[in-house]
Amino acid sequence: MHVAAKITLGLGGVITLLGVIFTVSGYADLDNLEDIDIEDVSVWNGEEGTYDFVNKDTLIYVRDNVRCDSFTFSMTNDSGEYPYENDECTKDGSKPAEYLDDPEGWYHVGSVNTTGEYVIEASSEVYLVTGSAIFGEILTEAGGGVLTALGGIFLVCCGILFLILGGIFALFLGTEDTSVGLVAGPGGFTTSSIPTTSINTPDKPPTTPISDTESSYWETD
């Protein structure tokens, strides 16, 4: 196989492998979009206290060891109690009906959308997370995953092109030329595909004919 074909096929294989790794990594990041650290993005947490809401959709999260049907949450201010209701629970009441969409280790039990300072009371520790924070985390994770996956797909395409090009080289370039040059004489040059391990046999020394006079001399001496 020609050296150009070997190099092209080798590059194609390496690039394709890298592309597959990047693509798998990107899709893995997309699968982990639900792995959001609620503690890091929460704006308030506790069982009771006050919080000043700023007219943003605020999600309420609890640990996944809290039963949905026994959890209670209330918010009050000078105007009275906020009309909060928990999200629907599963049939056995152990978890929210949409728990499969929640980050691992957490349950989203409800949400509020209001403005102003409220006194909060809950049966278990709650974590308040703004909807924009959740969206930002998802966008960041999704953006990185999508870019990684697209980069991997691009590398796979490039690798396949290199493999095709290497196959074409292998078919049409043939084997590498190993012929050596031999000097034919003054002003001449020729090539021959002889093995590189040839043995040079020295030529016999030229013999000079003996004249008749010299022959007679040796015979009469």
N, C-alpha and C. Protein backbone atom coordinates (compact mmCIF):
# COMPACT_ATOMS: atom_id res chain seq x y z
N MET A 1 0.85 -1.20 0.00
CA MET A 1 0.00 0.00 0.00
C MET A 1 0.88 1.24 0.00
N HIS A 2 0.49 2.22 -0.79
CA HIS A 2 1.27 3.45 -0.89
C HIS A 2 1.26 4.20 0.44
N VAL A 3 2.37 4.89 0.73
CA VAL A 3 2.51 5.59 2.01
C VAL A 3 1.43 6.66 2.18
N ALA A 4 1.03 7.32 1.09
CA ALA A 4 -0.02 8.35 1.18
C ALA A 4 -1.34 7.73 1.62
N ALA A 5 -1.64 6.53 1.11
CA ALA A 5 -2.88 5.85 1.50
C ALA A 5 -2.84 5.47 2.97
N LYS A 6 -1.68 5.00 3.45
CA LYS A 6 -1.56 4.61 4.86
C LYS A 6 -1.78 5.81 5.78
N ILE A 7 -1.15 6.94 5.45
CA ILE A 7 -1.29 8.14 6.29
C ILE A 7 -2.73 8.63 6.29
N THR A 8 -3.35 8.67 5.12
CA THR A 8 -4.73 9.17 5.03
C THR A 8 -5.70 8.27 5.78
N LEU A 9 -5.55 6.96 5.64
CA LEU A 9 -6.43 6.03 6.36
C LEU A 9 -6.21 6.13 7.87
N GLY A 10 -4.96 6.30 8.29
CA GLY A 10 -4.68 6.45 9.72
C GLY A 10 -5.32 7.69 10.31
N LEU A 11 -5.17 8.82 9.60
CA LEU A 11 -5.80 10.06 10.06
C LEU A 11 -7.32 9.93 10.10
N GLY A 12 -7.87 9.29 9.09
CA GLY A 12 -9.32 9.10 9.06
C GLY A 12 -9.82 8.29 10.23
N GLY A 13 -9.09 7.23 10.59
CA GLY A 13 -9.50 6.42 11.73
C GLY A 13 -9.44 7.18 13.04
N VAL A 14 -8.36 7.95 13.25
CA VAL A 14 -8.21 8.71 14.49
C VAL A 14 -9.28 9.80 14.60
N ILE A 15 -9.51 10.54 13.52
CA ILE A 15 -10.50 11.62 13.54
C ILE A 15 -11.90 11.06 13.77
N THR A 16 -12.21 9.94 13.14
CA THR A 16 -13.53 9.33 13.34
C THR A 16 -13.72 8.90 14.78
N LEU A 17 -12.69 8.30 15.38
CA LEU A 17 -12.78 7.87 16.78
C LEU A 17 -13.01 9.06 17.71
N LEU A 18 -12.26 10.14 17.49
CA LEU A 18 -12.46 11.34 18.30
C LEU A 18 -13.87 11.90 18.13
N GLY A 19 -14.37 11.87 16.91
CA GLY A 19 -15.73 12.36 16.67
C GLY A 19 -16.77 11.55 17.41
N VAL A 20 -16.60 10.24 17.44
CA VAL A 20 -17.54 9.38 18.17
C VAL A 20 -17.51 9.70 19.66
N ILE A 21 -16.30 9.89 20.21
CA ILE A 21 -16.17 10.20 21.64
C ILE A 21 -16.85 11.53 21.96
N PHE A 22 -16.62 12.55 21.15
CA PHE A 22 -17.24 13.86 21.39
C PHE A 22 -18.77 13.77 21.28
N THR A 23 -19.25 13.02 20.30
CA THR A 23 -20.70 12.90 20.12
C THR A 23 -21.35 12.23 21.31
N VAL A 24 -20.77 11.13 21.77
CA VAL A 24 -21.31 10.42 22.93
C VAL A 24 -21.29 11.31 24.16
N SER A 25 -20.19 12.05 24.34
CA SER A 25 -20.08 12.96 25.49
C SER A 25 -21.15 14.04 25.44
N GLY A 26 -21.40 14.59 24.25
CA GLY A 26 -22.43 15.63 24.12
C GLY A 26 -23.81 15.12 24.44
N TYR A 27 -24.14 13.93 23.96
CA TYR A 27 -25.45 13.36 24.26
C TYR A 27 -25.58 13.02 25.74
N ALA A 28 -24.47 12.62 26.36
CA ALA A 28 -24.51 12.34 27.80
C ALA A 28 -24.82 13.60 28.59
N ASP A 29 -24.25 14.74 28.16
CA ASP A 29 -24.57 16.01 28.83
C ASP A 29 -26.04 16.36 28.68
N LEU A 30 -26.62 16.07 27.53
CA LEU A 30 -28.04 16.35 27.33
C LEU A 30 -28.91 15.45 28.19
N ASP A 31 -28.46 14.22 28.42
CA ASP A 31 -29.22 13.31 29.28
C ASP A 31 -29.18 13.73 30.74
N ASN A 32 -28.15 14.52 31.11
CA ASN A 32 -28.00 14.93 32.51
C ASN A 32 -28.55 16.32 32.79
N LEU A 33 -29.46 16.80 31.95
CA LEU A 33 -30.01 18.14 32.14
C LEU A 33 -30.77 18.25 33.46
N GLU A 34 -31.30 17.14 33.96
CA GLU A 34 -32.10 17.18 35.17
C GLU A 34 -31.24 17.18 36.43
N ASP A 35 -29.94 17.00 36.29
CA ASP A 35 -29.04 16.96 37.45
C ASP A 35 -28.65 18.37 37.86
N ILE A 36 -29.61 19.16 38.30
CA ILE A 36 -29.38 20.53 38.73
C ILE A 36 -29.22 20.56 40.24
N ASP A 37 -28.22 21.29 40.72
CA ASP A 37 -27.99 21.42 42.16
C ASP A 37 -28.94 22.48 42.71
N ILE A 38 -30.02 22.04 43.32
CA ILE A 38 -31.04 22.96 43.82
C ILE A 38 -30.48 23.86 44.91
N GLU A 39 -29.62 23.34 45.75
CA GLU A 39 -29.05 24.16 46.82
C GLU A 39 -28.27 25.34 46.27
N ASP A 40 -27.57 25.13 45.16
CA ASP A 40 -26.75 26.21 44.58
C ASP A 40 -27.60 27.30 43.94
N VAL A 41 -28.72 26.93 43.35
CA VAL A 41 -29.53 27.92 42.61
C VAL A 41 -30.69 28.47 43.44
N SER A 42 -30.89 27.96 44.65
CA SER A 42 -32.01 28.44 45.47
C SER A 42 -31.75 29.86 45.98
N VAL A 43 -32.82 30.63 46.14
CA VAL A 43 -32.72 32.00 46.65
C VAL A 43 -33.11 32.09 48.13
N TRP A 44 -33.73 31.05 48.63
CA TRP A 44 -34.11 31.02 50.06
C TRP A 44 -34.42 29.58 50.43
N ASN A 45 -34.09 29.21 51.68
CA ASN A 45 -34.47 27.88 52.15
C ASN A 45 -34.74 27.91 53.65
N GLY A 46 -35.59 27.03 54.09
CA GLY A 46 -35.94 26.94 55.50
C GLY A 46 -37.36 26.41 55.68
N GLU A 47 -37.76 26.24 56.96
CA GLU A 47 -39.13 25.81 57.26
C GLU A 47 -40.03 27.00 57.57
N GLU A 48 -39.44 28.07 58.09
CA GLU A 48 -40.22 29.28 58.35
C GLU A 48 -39.29 30.49 58.28
N GLY A 49 -39.87 31.63 57.92
CA GLY A 49 -39.10 32.86 57.78
C GLY A 49 -39.81 33.80 56.83
N THR A 50 -39.10 34.83 56.42
CA THR A 50 -39.67 35.81 55.49
C THR A 50 -38.84 35.88 54.22
N TYR A 51 -39.52 36.16 53.13
CA TYR A 51 -38.83 36.31 51.85
C TYR A 51 -39.57 37.34 51.02
N ASP A 52 -38.79 38.20 50.35
CA ASP A 52 -39.36 39.27 49.53
C ASP A 52 -39.40 38.81 48.07
N PHE A 53 -40.56 38.46 47.60
CA PHE A 53 -40.73 37.99 46.22
C PHE A 53 -40.71 39.18 45.26
N VAL A 54 -40.15 38.98 44.08
CA VAL A 54 -39.97 40.08 43.12
C VAL A 54 -40.68 39.79 41.80
N ASN A 55 -41.89 39.32 41.90
CA ASN A 55 -42.74 39.10 40.72
C ASN A 55 -42.10 38.16 39.70
N LYS A 56 -41.53 37.07 40.21
CA LYS A 56 -40.98 36.04 39.35
C LYS A 56 -41.62 34.71 39.71
N ASP A 57 -41.76 33.88 38.70
CA ASP A 57 -42.28 32.55 38.95
C ASP A 57 -41.27 31.80 39.81
N THR A 58 -41.67 31.44 41.02
CA THR A 58 -40.77 30.82 41.99
C THR A 58 -41.22 29.39 42.24
N LEU A 59 -40.30 28.45 42.08
CA LEU A 59 -40.59 27.03 42.26
C LEU A 59 -40.23 26.61 43.67
N ILE A 60 -41.01 25.69 44.22
CA ILE A 60 -40.79 25.20 45.59
C ILE A 60 -40.32 23.76 45.50
N TYR A 61 -39.13 23.50 46.07
CA TYR A 61 -38.55 22.16 46.07
C TYR A 61 -38.37 21.67 47.50
N VAL A 62 -38.53 20.36 47.67
CA VAL A 62 -38.23 19.69 48.94
C VAL A 62 -37.39 18.46 48.63
N ARG A 63 -36.78 17.90 49.67
CA ARG A 63 -36.02 16.67 49.50
C ARG A 63 -36.96 15.53 49.10
N ASP A 64 -36.39 14.53 48.43
CA ASP A 64 -37.24 13.44 47.94
C ASP A 64 -37.66 12.46 49.03
N ASN A 65 -37.31 12.74 50.30
CA ASN A 65 -37.81 11.91 51.39
C ASN A 65 -39.07 12.50 52.03
N VAL A 66 -39.57 13.59 51.46
CA VAL A 66 -40.79 14.24 51.96
C VAL A 66 -41.98 13.72 51.15
N ARG A 67 -43.01 13.24 51.85
CA ARG A 67 -44.20 12.75 51.16
C ARG A 67 -45.00 13.93 50.61
N CYS A 68 -45.47 13.73 49.40
CA CYS A 68 -46.23 14.79 48.73
C CYS A 68 -47.55 15.08 49.44
N ASP A 69 -48.26 14.01 49.86
CA ASP A 69 -49.60 14.21 50.42
C ASP A 69 -49.61 14.77 51.83
N SER A 70 -48.45 14.76 52.51
CA SER A 70 -48.41 15.29 53.87
C SER A 70 -47.70 16.64 53.96
N PHE A 71 -47.18 17.13 52.84
CA PHE A 71 -46.46 18.40 52.85
C PHE A 71 -47.45 19.57 52.86
N THR A 72 -47.17 20.55 53.72
CA THR A 72 -47.99 21.77 53.78
C THR A 72 -47.10 23.00 53.65
N PHE A 73 -47.64 24.04 53.03
CA PHE A 73 -46.89 25.27 52.79
C PHE A 73 -47.88 26.44 52.78
N SER A 74 -47.51 27.52 53.47
CA SER A 74 -48.38 28.70 53.51
C SER A 74 -47.54 29.96 53.47
N MET A 75 -48.11 31.04 52.90
CA MET A 75 -47.47 32.35 52.81
C MET A 75 -48.50 33.40 53.20
N THR A 76 -48.11 34.30 54.10
CA THR A 76 -49.03 35.37 54.52
C THR A 76 -48.30 36.70 54.58
N ASN A 77 -49.05 37.78 54.37
CA ASN A 77 -48.54 39.14 54.55
C ASN A 77 -49.69 40.00 55.09
N ASP A 78 -49.52 41.30 55.05
CA ASP A 78 -50.55 42.19 55.61
C ASP A 78 -51.88 42.06 54.88
N SER A 79 -51.83 41.61 53.65
CA SER A 79 -53.06 41.47 52.87
C SER A 79 -53.77 40.14 53.10
N GLY A 80 -53.10 39.23 53.77
CA GLY A 80 -53.71 37.93 54.04
C GLY A 80 -52.84 36.80 53.52
N GLU A 81 -53.46 35.65 53.34
CA GLU A 81 -52.73 34.45 52.94
C GLU A 81 -52.73 34.29 51.42
N TYR A 82 -51.57 33.91 50.91
CA TYR A 82 -51.45 33.68 49.47
C TYR A 82 -52.17 32.38 49.11
N PRO A 83 -52.93 32.35 48.03
CA PRO A 83 -53.68 31.15 47.66
C PRO A 83 -52.79 30.08 47.02
N TYR A 84 -52.01 29.41 47.85
CA TYR A 84 -51.07 28.39 47.35
C TYR A 84 -51.73 27.01 47.39
N GLU A 85 -51.41 26.20 46.39
CA GLU A 85 -51.85 24.81 46.36
C GLU A 85 -50.70 23.94 45.88
N ASN A 86 -50.54 22.77 46.55
CA ASN A 86 -49.51 21.83 46.12
C ASN A 86 -49.85 21.26 44.75
N ASP A 87 -48.80 20.82 44.05
CA ASP A 87 -49.02 20.11 42.79
C ASP A 87 -49.67 18.76 43.07
N GLU A 88 -50.27 18.19 42.06
CA GLU A 88 -50.94 16.89 42.20
C GLU A 88 -49.93 15.81 42.56
N CYS A 89 -50.32 14.89 43.42
CA CYS A 89 -49.46 13.79 43.85
C CYS A 89 -49.79 12.51 43.07
N THR A 90 -48.90 11.53 43.18
CA THR A 90 -49.17 10.22 42.59
C THR A 90 -50.31 9.55 43.35
N LYS A 91 -50.79 8.42 42.85
CA LYS A 91 -51.94 7.75 43.47
C LYS A 91 -51.66 7.33 44.91
N ASP A 92 -50.43 6.92 45.18
CA ASP A 92 -50.11 6.51 46.56
C ASP A 92 -49.73 7.70 47.44
N GLY A 93 -49.65 8.90 46.86
CA GLY A 93 -49.37 10.10 47.63
C GLY A 93 -47.94 10.29 48.06
N SER A 94 -47.04 9.43 47.61
CA SER A 94 -45.65 9.50 48.09
C SER A 94 -44.83 10.58 47.41
N LYS A 95 -45.20 10.94 46.20
CA LYS A 95 -44.37 11.88 45.42
C LYS A 95 -45.25 12.67 44.45
N PRO A 96 -44.73 13.79 43.94
CA PRO A 96 -45.50 14.55 42.95
C PRO A 96 -45.74 13.74 41.68
N ALA A 97 -46.84 14.02 41.00
CA ALA A 97 -47.18 13.26 39.79
C ALA A 97 -46.12 13.42 38.70
N GLU A 98 -45.45 14.57 38.66
CA GLU A 98 -44.44 14.83 37.64
C GLU A 98 -43.02 14.66 38.18
N TYR A 99 -42.84 13.75 39.12
CA TYR A 99 -41.54 13.61 39.79
C TYR A 99 -40.44 13.16 38.84
N LEU A 100 -40.79 12.50 37.75
CA LEU A 100 -39.76 12.02 36.82
C LEU A 100 -39.00 13.17 36.16
N ASP A 101 -39.58 14.35 36.12
CA ASP A 101 -38.92 15.51 35.52
C ASP A 101 -38.08 16.29 36.53
N ASP A 102 -38.09 15.87 37.79
CA ASP A 102 -37.38 16.62 38.83
C ASP A 102 -35.91 16.22 38.91
N PRO A 103 -35.05 17.12 39.39
CA PRO A 103 -33.64 16.77 39.60
C PRO A 103 -33.51 15.62 40.59
N GLU A 104 -32.47 14.86 40.44
CA GLU A 104 -32.28 13.70 41.32
C GLU A 104 -32.15 14.15 42.78
N GLY A 105 -32.93 13.52 43.65
CA GLY A 105 -32.89 13.83 45.08
C GLY A 105 -33.86 14.92 45.50
N TRP A 106 -34.66 15.44 44.55
CA TRP A 106 -35.56 16.56 44.85
C TRP A 106 -36.94 16.32 44.25
N TYR A 107 -37.93 16.96 44.91
CA TYR A 107 -39.30 16.98 44.39
C TYR A 107 -39.74 18.43 44.22
N HIS A 108 -40.31 18.72 43.07
CA HIS A 108 -40.95 20.03 42.85
C HIS A 108 -42.41 19.89 43.27
N VAL A 109 -42.78 20.52 44.38
CA VAL A 109 -44.11 20.32 44.96
C VAL A 109 -45.08 21.45 44.64
N GLY A 110 -44.60 22.57 44.12
CA GLY A 110 -45.51 23.67 43.81
C GLY A 110 -44.75 24.90 43.35
N SER A 111 -45.49 25.98 43.09
CA SER A 111 -44.87 27.23 42.65
C SER A 111 -45.76 28.40 43.03
N VAL A 112 -45.15 29.58 43.12
CA VAL A 112 -45.89 30.81 43.44
C VAL A 112 -45.43 31.90 42.48
N ASN A 113 -46.29 32.88 42.27
CA ASN A 113 -45.95 34.00 41.41
C ASN A 113 -46.59 35.25 42.01
N THR A 114 -45.79 35.98 42.77
CA THR A 114 -46.33 37.15 43.46
C THR A 114 -45.21 38.15 43.73
N THR A 115 -45.56 39.28 44.31
CA THR A 115 -44.59 40.33 44.65
C THR A 115 -44.80 40.75 46.10
N GLY A 116 -43.67 41.05 46.76
CA GLY A 116 -43.75 41.55 48.12
C GLY A 116 -43.21 40.56 49.14
N GLU A 117 -43.14 41.04 50.37
CA GLU A 117 -42.59 40.23 51.46
C GLU A 117 -43.68 39.37 52.09
N TYR A 118 -43.36 38.10 52.28
CA TYR A 118 -44.30 37.15 52.86
C TYR A 118 -43.63 36.38 54.00
N VAL A 119 -44.45 35.99 54.96
CA VAL A 119 -44.01 35.09 56.02
C VAL A 119 -44.32 33.67 55.57
N ILE A 120 -43.29 32.83 55.57
CA ILE A 120 -43.41 31.47 55.05
C ILE A 120 -43.44 30.48 56.21
N GLU A 121 -44.32 29.50 56.12
CA GLU A 121 -44.36 28.39 57.07
C GLU A 121 -44.56 27.10 56.27
N ALA A 122 -43.71 26.11 56.55
CA ALA A 122 -43.79 24.84 55.82
C ALA A 122 -43.58 23.68 56.78
N SER A 123 -44.13 22.52 56.43
CA SER A 123 -43.99 21.34 57.28
C SER A 123 -42.62 20.70 57.16
N SER A 124 -41.89 20.99 56.10
CA SER A 124 -40.52 20.50 55.90
C SER A 124 -39.70 21.63 55.28
N GLU A 125 -38.40 21.48 55.34
CA GLU A 125 -37.53 22.51 54.76
C GLU A 125 -37.79 22.64 53.27
N VAL A 126 -37.97 23.86 52.82
CA VAL A 126 -38.23 24.11 51.41
C VAL A 126 -37.09 24.94 50.82
N TYR A 127 -36.94 24.83 49.51
CA TYR A 127 -35.94 25.59 48.76
C TYR A 127 -36.68 26.33 47.65
N LEU A 128 -36.57 27.66 47.66
CA LEU A 128 -37.21 28.48 46.64
C LEU A 128 -36.22 28.74 45.50
N VAL A 129 -36.65 28.44 44.30
CA VAL A 129 -35.79 28.59 43.12
C VAL A 129 -36.58 29.34 42.05
N THR A 130 -35.99 30.41 41.53
CA THR A 130 -36.68 31.16 40.46
C THR A 130 -36.67 30.35 39.16
N GLY A 131 -37.73 30.55 38.38
CA GLY A 131 -37.80 29.85 37.10
C GLY A 131 -36.67 30.22 36.16
N SER A 132 -36.22 31.48 36.24
CA SER A 132 -35.12 31.91 35.37
C SER A 132 -33.82 31.19 35.71
N ALA A 133 -33.61 30.89 37.00
CA ALA A 133 -32.40 30.18 37.40
C ALA A 133 -32.40 28.76 36.84
N ILE A 134 -33.56 28.10 36.91
CA ILE A 134 -33.67 26.75 36.35
C ILE A 134 -33.44 26.79 34.84
N PHE A 135 -34.07 27.76 34.18
CA PHE A 135 -33.91 27.88 32.73
C PHE A 135 -32.45 28.15 32.36
N GLY A 136 -31.79 29.01 33.14
CA GLY A 136 -30.39 29.31 32.86
C GLY A 136 -29.50 28.09 32.99
N GLU A 137 -29.75 27.28 34.03
CA GLU A 137 -28.96 26.06 34.21
C GLU A 137 -29.19 25.10 33.05
N ILE A 138 -30.45 24.94 32.66
CA ILE A 138 -30.76 24.03 31.55
C ILE A 138 -30.13 24.53 30.26
N LEU A 139 -30.21 25.85 30.02
CA LEU A 139 -29.65 26.42 28.80
C LEU A 139 -28.14 26.23 28.75
N THR A 140 -27.48 26.44 29.89
CA THR A 140 -26.02 26.27 29.94
C THR A 140 -25.62 24.83 29.65
N GLU A 141 -26.30 23.89 30.34
CA GLU A 141 -25.98 22.48 30.15
C GLU A 141 -26.31 22.05 28.72
N ALA A 142 -27.48 22.47 28.24
CA ALA A 142 -27.89 22.06 26.90
C ALA A 142 -26.97 22.65 25.84
N GLY A 143 -26.58 23.94 26.04
CA GLY A 143 -25.70 24.57 25.07
C GLY A 143 -24.37 23.84 24.95
N GLY A 144 -23.77 23.51 26.09
CA GLY A 144 -22.51 22.78 26.06
C GLY A 144 -22.66 21.41 25.44
N GLY A 145 -23.74 20.71 25.78
CA GLY A 145 -23.96 19.38 25.22
C GLY A 145 -24.20 19.41 23.72
N VAL A 146 -24.99 20.38 23.28
CA VAL A 146 -25.28 20.49 21.84
C VAL A 146 -24.02 20.82 21.06
N LEU A 147 -23.22 21.76 21.56
CA LEU A 147 -21.99 22.13 20.85
C LEU A 147 -21.01 20.95 20.80
N THR A 148 -20.91 20.22 21.91
CA THR A 148 -20.02 19.05 21.92
C THR A 148 -20.48 18.00 20.94
N ALA A 149 -21.80 17.73 20.93
CA ALA A 149 -22.34 16.73 20.02
C ALA A 149 -22.15 17.15 18.56
N LEU A 150 -22.41 18.42 18.26
CA LEU A 150 -22.24 18.90 16.88
C LEU A 150 -20.78 18.82 16.45
N GLY A 151 -19.87 19.19 17.37
CA GLY A 151 -18.45 19.07 17.05
C GLY A 151 -18.06 17.63 16.78
N GLY A 152 -18.62 16.70 17.57
CA GLY A 152 -18.33 15.29 17.35
C GLY A 152 -18.84 14.80 16.01
N ILE A 153 -20.05 15.21 15.64
CA ILE A 153 -20.62 14.81 14.34
C ILE A 153 -19.77 15.36 13.19
N PHE A 154 -19.29 16.61 13.34
CA PHE A 154 -18.43 17.20 12.31
C PHE A 154 -17.13 16.40 12.17
N LEU A 155 -16.54 16.00 13.30
CA LEU A 155 -15.31 15.21 13.24
C LEU A 155 -15.55 13.85 12.60
N VAL A 156 -16.68 13.23 12.91
CA VAL A 156 -17.00 11.94 12.30
C VAL A 156 -17.10 12.08 10.78
N CYS A 157 -17.76 13.13 10.31
CA CYS A 157 -17.88 13.36 8.87
C CYS A 157 -16.50 13.56 8.23
N CYS A 158 -15.65 14.35 8.89
CA CYS A 158 -14.30 14.56 8.36
C CYS A 158 -13.51 13.26 8.34
N GLY A 159 -13.65 12.47 9.40
CA GLY A 159 -12.95 11.19 9.45
C GLY A 159 -13.39 10.25 8.34
N ILE A 160 -14.69 10.20 8.07
CA ILE A 160 -15.19 9.35 6.99
C ILE A 160 -14.65 9.80 5.64
N LEU A 161 -14.57 11.12 5.43
CA LEU A 161 -14.01 11.63 4.18
C LEU A 161 -12.55 11.22 4.02
N PHE A 162 -11.79 11.28 5.11
CA PHE A 162 -10.40 10.85 5.05
C PHE A 162 -10.30 9.36 4.74
N LEU A 163 -11.19 8.56 5.32
CA LEU A 163 -11.17 7.12 5.05
C LEU A 163 -11.49 6.84 3.58
N ILE A 164 -12.46 7.55 3.04
CA ILE A 164 -12.80 7.38 1.62
C ILE A 164 -11.62 7.78 0.74
N LEU A 165 -10.99 8.92 1.07
CA LEU A 165 -9.85 9.38 0.30
C LEU A 165 -8.70 8.39 0.39
N GLY A 166 -8.47 7.84 1.59
CA GLY A 166 -7.42 6.84 1.74
C GLY A 166 -7.70 5.59 0.94
N GLY A 167 -8.98 5.18 0.86
CA GLY A 167 -9.33 4.02 0.04
C GLY A 167 -9.07 4.27 -1.43
N ILE A 168 -9.37 5.49 -1.89
CA ILE A 168 -9.09 5.84 -3.29
C ILE A 168 -7.59 5.81 -3.56
N PHE A 169 -6.80 6.37 -2.64
CA PHE A 169 -5.35 6.31 -2.80
C PHE A 169 -4.86 4.87 -2.87
N ALA A 170 -5.40 4.02 -2.00
CA ALA A 170 -4.96 2.62 -1.97
C ALA A 170 -5.28 1.91 -3.28
N LEU A 171 -6.39 2.26 -3.93
CA LEU A 171 -6.79 1.60 -5.17
C LEU A 171 -5.99 2.08 -6.38
N PHE A 172 -5.71 3.37 -6.44
CA PHE A 172 -5.15 3.94 -7.67
C PHE A 172 -3.66 4.25 -7.60
N LEU A 173 -3.11 4.41 -6.41
CA LEU A 173 -1.68 4.72 -6.33
C LEU A 173 -0.83 3.47 -6.33
N GLY A 174 -1.40 2.33 -6.01
CA GLY A 174 -0.64 1.09 -6.01
C GLY A 174 0.36 1.04 -4.89
N THR A 175 1.42 0.19 -5.10
CA THR A 175 2.45 0.04 -4.07
C THR A 175 3.52 1.09 -4.25
N GLU A 176 4.30 1.27 -3.20
CA GLU A 176 5.37 2.26 -3.24
C GLU A 176 6.49 1.80 -4.15
N ASP A 177 7.05 2.68 -4.99
CA ASP A 177 8.11 2.35 -5.94
C ASP A 177 9.41 2.09 -5.21
N THR A 178 9.99 0.86 -5.44
CA THR A 178 11.26 0.50 -4.78
C THR A 178 12.38 0.29 -5.79
N SER A 179 12.22 0.78 -7.03
CA SER A 179 13.24 0.59 -8.06
C SER A 179 14.48 1.41 -7.75
N VAL A 180 15.66 0.89 -8.19
CA VAL A 180 16.92 1.58 -7.97
C VAL A 180 17.54 1.91 -9.32
N GLY A 181 18.38 2.93 -9.36
CA GLY A 181 19.00 3.35 -10.60
C GLY A 181 20.34 2.67 -10.83
N LEU A 182 20.61 2.27 -12.06
CA LEU A 182 21.87 1.65 -12.44
C LEU A 182 22.49 2.45 -13.56
N VAL A 183 23.80 2.68 -13.47
CA VAL A 183 24.51 3.42 -14.51
C VAL A 183 24.84 2.48 -15.64
N ALA A 184 24.35 2.80 -16.84
CA ALA A 184 24.57 1.93 -18.00
C ALA A 184 25.87 2.25 -18.72
N GLY A 185 26.44 3.39 -18.48
CA GLY A 185 27.65 3.77 -19.19
C GLY A 185 27.68 5.27 -19.35
N PRO A 186 28.69 5.77 -20.04
CA PRO A 186 28.77 7.23 -20.22
C PRO A 186 27.52 7.75 -20.93
N GLY A 187 26.88 8.74 -20.29
CA GLY A 187 25.72 9.37 -20.90
C GLY A 187 24.46 8.56 -20.81
N GLY A 188 24.45 7.46 -20.11
CA GLY A 188 23.25 6.62 -20.05
C GLY A 188 22.84 6.36 -18.61
N PHE A 189 21.52 6.14 -18.40
CA PHE A 189 21.00 5.86 -17.05
C PHE A 189 19.73 5.02 -17.21
N THR A 190 19.66 3.99 -16.46
CA THR A 190 18.49 3.11 -16.54
C THR A 190 18.07 2.71 -15.14
N THR A 191 16.83 2.19 -15.01
CA THR A 191 16.30 1.75 -13.71
C THR A 191 15.95 0.29 -13.79
N SER A 192 16.03 -0.37 -12.67
CA SER A 192 15.70 -1.78 -12.59
C SER A 192 15.19 -2.10 -11.21
N SER A 193 14.10 -2.87 -11.13
CA SER A 193 13.51 -3.22 -9.83
C SER A 193 14.19 -4.46 -9.28
N ILE A 194 15.47 -4.33 -8.96
CA ILE A 194 16.21 -5.45 -8.40
C ILE A 194 16.16 -5.37 -6.90
N PRO A 195 16.26 -6.47 -6.19
CA PRO A 195 16.23 -6.44 -4.72
C PRO A 195 17.35 -5.60 -4.17
N THR A 196 17.06 -4.97 -3.04
CA THR A 196 18.06 -4.11 -2.41
C THR A 196 19.15 -4.92 -1.73
N THR A 197 18.97 -6.25 -1.61
CA THR A 197 19.96 -7.08 -0.92
C THR A 197 20.81 -7.85 -1.94
N SER A 198 21.05 -7.27 -3.13
CA SER A 198 21.83 -7.94 -4.16
C SER A 198 23.30 -8.01 -3.76
N ILE A 199 24.00 -9.04 -4.26
CA ILE A 199 25.42 -9.24 -3.95
C ILE A 199 26.23 -8.87 -5.19
N ASN A 200 27.19 -8.00 -5.02
CA ASN A 200 28.04 -7.57 -6.14
C ASN A 200 29.19 -8.56 -6.32
N THR A 201 29.27 -9.17 -7.50
CA THR A 201 30.35 -10.11 -7.79
C THR A 201 31.41 -9.39 -8.61
N PRO A 202 32.64 -9.36 -8.11
CA PRO A 202 33.68 -8.62 -8.84
C PRO A 202 33.97 -9.27 -10.19
N ASP A 203 34.24 -8.44 -11.19
CA ASP A 203 34.57 -8.95 -12.53
C ASP A 203 35.95 -9.60 -12.53
N LYS A 204 36.12 -10.58 -13.42
CA LYS A 204 37.43 -11.22 -13.54
C LYS A 204 38.43 -10.24 -14.16
N PRO A 205 39.65 -10.26 -13.69
CA PRO A 205 40.65 -9.35 -14.28
C PRO A 205 40.89 -9.69 -15.75
N PRO A 206 41.08 -8.71 -16.57
CA PRO A 206 41.30 -8.98 -18.01
C PRO A 206 42.61 -9.74 -18.24
N THR A 207 42.61 -10.64 -19.21
CA THR A 207 43.81 -11.42 -19.55
C THR A 207 44.42 -10.88 -20.84
N THR A 208 45.72 -10.74 -20.87
CA THR A 208 46.43 -10.22 -22.05
C THR A 208 46.99 -11.38 -22.86
N PRO A 209 46.65 -11.51 -24.13
CA PRO A 209 47.16 -12.63 -24.95
C PRO A 209 48.69 -12.59 -25.05
N ILE A 210 49.27 -13.74 -25.03
CA ILE A 210 50.75 -13.85 -25.14
C ILE A 210 51.11 -13.99 -26.62
N SER A 211 52.02 -13.16 -27.07
CA SER A 211 52.41 -13.20 -28.50
C SER A 211 53.20 -14.46 -28.81
N ASP A 212 53.34 -14.78 -30.10
CA ASP A 212 54.07 -15.98 -30.52
C ASP A 212 55.52 -15.91 -30.13
N THR A 213 56.15 -14.71 -30.18
CA THR A 213 57.56 -14.55 -29.82
C THR A 213 57.79 -14.88 -28.38
N GLU A 214 56.87 -14.35 -27.52
CA GLU A 214 57.01 -14.62 -26.08
C GLU A 214 56.79 -16.08 -25.79
N SER A 215 55.90 -16.73 -26.55
CA SER A 215 55.65 -18.15 -26.33
C SER A 215 56.88 -18.97 -26.70
N SER A 216 57.56 -18.61 -27.80
CA SER A 216 58.76 -19.33 -28.21
C SER A 216 59.86 -19.14 -27.19
N TYR A 217 59.94 -17.96 -26.60
CA TYR A 217 60.97 -17.68 -25.60
C TYR A 217 60.83 -18.59 -24.41
N TRP A 218 59.65 -18.75 -23.94
CA TRP A 218 59.43 -19.58 -22.74
C TRP A 218 59.64 -21.05 -23.06
N GLU A 219 59.42 -21.44 -24.32
CA GLU A 219 59.58 -22.86 -24.64
C GLU A 219 61.03 -23.24 -24.77
N THR A 220 61.93 -22.31 -25.30
CA THR A 220 63.33 -22.64 -25.52
C THR A 220 64.18 -22.40 -24.32
N ASP A 221 63.64 -21.76 -23.30
CA ASP A 221 64.45 -21.37 -22.14
C ASP A 221 64.70 -22.59 -21.26
